[in-house]
Protein backbone atom coordinates (compact mmCIF):
# COMPACT_ATOMS: atom_id res chain seq x y z
CA MET A 1 37.77 -22.04 -15.42
CA VAL A 2 34.13 -21.28 -16.14
CA ASN A 3 33.11 -22.85 -12.85
CA GLY A 4 35.72 -20.77 -10.99
CA GLY A 5 34.41 -17.55 -12.56
CA LEU A 6 30.84 -18.47 -11.71
CA TRP A 7 31.88 -19.33 -8.16
CA ASN A 8 33.58 -15.93 -7.75
CA LEU A 9 30.49 -14.17 -9.11
CA LEU A 10 28.25 -16.00 -6.64
CA LYS A 11 30.57 -15.08 -3.76
CA ARG A 12 30.49 -11.42 -4.78
CA VAL A 13 26.70 -11.41 -5.01
CA HIS A 14 26.41 -13.12 -1.64
CA ARG A 15 28.69 -10.54 0.02
CA ASP A 16 26.75 -7.59 -1.47
CA GLU A 17 24.46 -6.24 1.28
CA ARG A 18 22.72 -3.46 -0.64
CA GLY A 19 19.72 -5.65 -1.35
CA ALA A 20 19.44 -6.64 2.31
CA VAL A 21 19.20 -3.00 3.37
CA SER A 22 16.44 -2.38 0.82
CA LEU A 23 14.57 -5.46 1.98
CA GLU A 24 14.82 -4.39 5.62
CA THR A 25 13.50 -0.95 4.73
CA ILE A 26 10.55 -2.46 2.86
CA LEU A 27 9.75 -4.74 5.80
CA ILE A 28 9.87 -1.84 8.27
CA VAL A 29 7.62 0.32 6.09
CA GLY A 30 5.22 -2.60 5.70
CA ALA A 31 5.18 -3.23 9.45
CA ILE A 32 4.19 0.40 9.99
CA ALA A 33 1.78 0.76 7.06
CA ILE A 34 -0.27 -2.43 7.47
CA PRO A 35 -1.67 -1.61 10.95
CA ILE A 36 -2.46 1.93 9.80
CA LEU A 37 -4.31 0.60 6.76
CA ILE A 38 -6.23 -1.90 8.87
CA PHE A 39 -7.26 0.88 11.27
CA LEU A 40 -8.34 3.16 8.44
CA ILE A 41 -10.37 0.44 6.77
CA ARG A 42 -12.11 -0.65 9.99
CA VAL A 43 -12.72 2.81 11.48
CA GLY A 44 -12.57 5.26 8.60
CA TRP A 45 -14.36 3.36 5.84
CA PRO A 46 -17.84 3.47 7.46
CA ARG A 47 -17.47 7.26 7.80
CA VAL A 48 -16.32 7.62 4.20
CA ARG A 49 -19.20 5.45 2.99
CA ALA A 50 -21.73 7.46 5.06
CA PHE A 51 -20.32 10.73 3.69
CA PHE A 52 -20.50 9.41 0.11
CA ASN A 53 -24.06 8.12 0.57
CA GLN A 54 -25.13 11.47 2.05
CA GLY A 55 -23.63 13.25 -0.95
CA LEU A 56 -25.51 10.96 -3.34
CA SER A 57 -28.76 11.56 -1.46
CA ASP A 58 -28.22 15.33 -1.61
CA LEU A 59 -27.49 15.09 -5.33
CA GLU A 60 -30.63 13.06 -5.99
CA GLN A 61 -32.72 15.50 -3.97
CA GLY A 62 -31.22 18.40 -5.89
CA ALA A 63 -32.08 16.69 -9.17
CA ILE A 64 -35.68 16.14 -8.04
CA ASN A 65 -35.95 19.80 -6.97
CA ALA A 66 -34.52 20.95 -10.31
CA GLN A 67 -37.13 18.97 -12.24
CA GLN A 68 -40.00 20.58 -10.29
């Protein structure tokens, strides 16, 4: 009887499609997000780094001017 109950549980879990819908949604979101992230890293990161370095340079220059 234990094996029959386990078998019925496995059949119910196998028929349940809620997890499949969630998995499909995750795969679709990933398929959209990964190319966007790759584009942002390849194109946007050099601009972000340049902006950050310019801000650091301005801050250092401001500190030097404040000391004088």
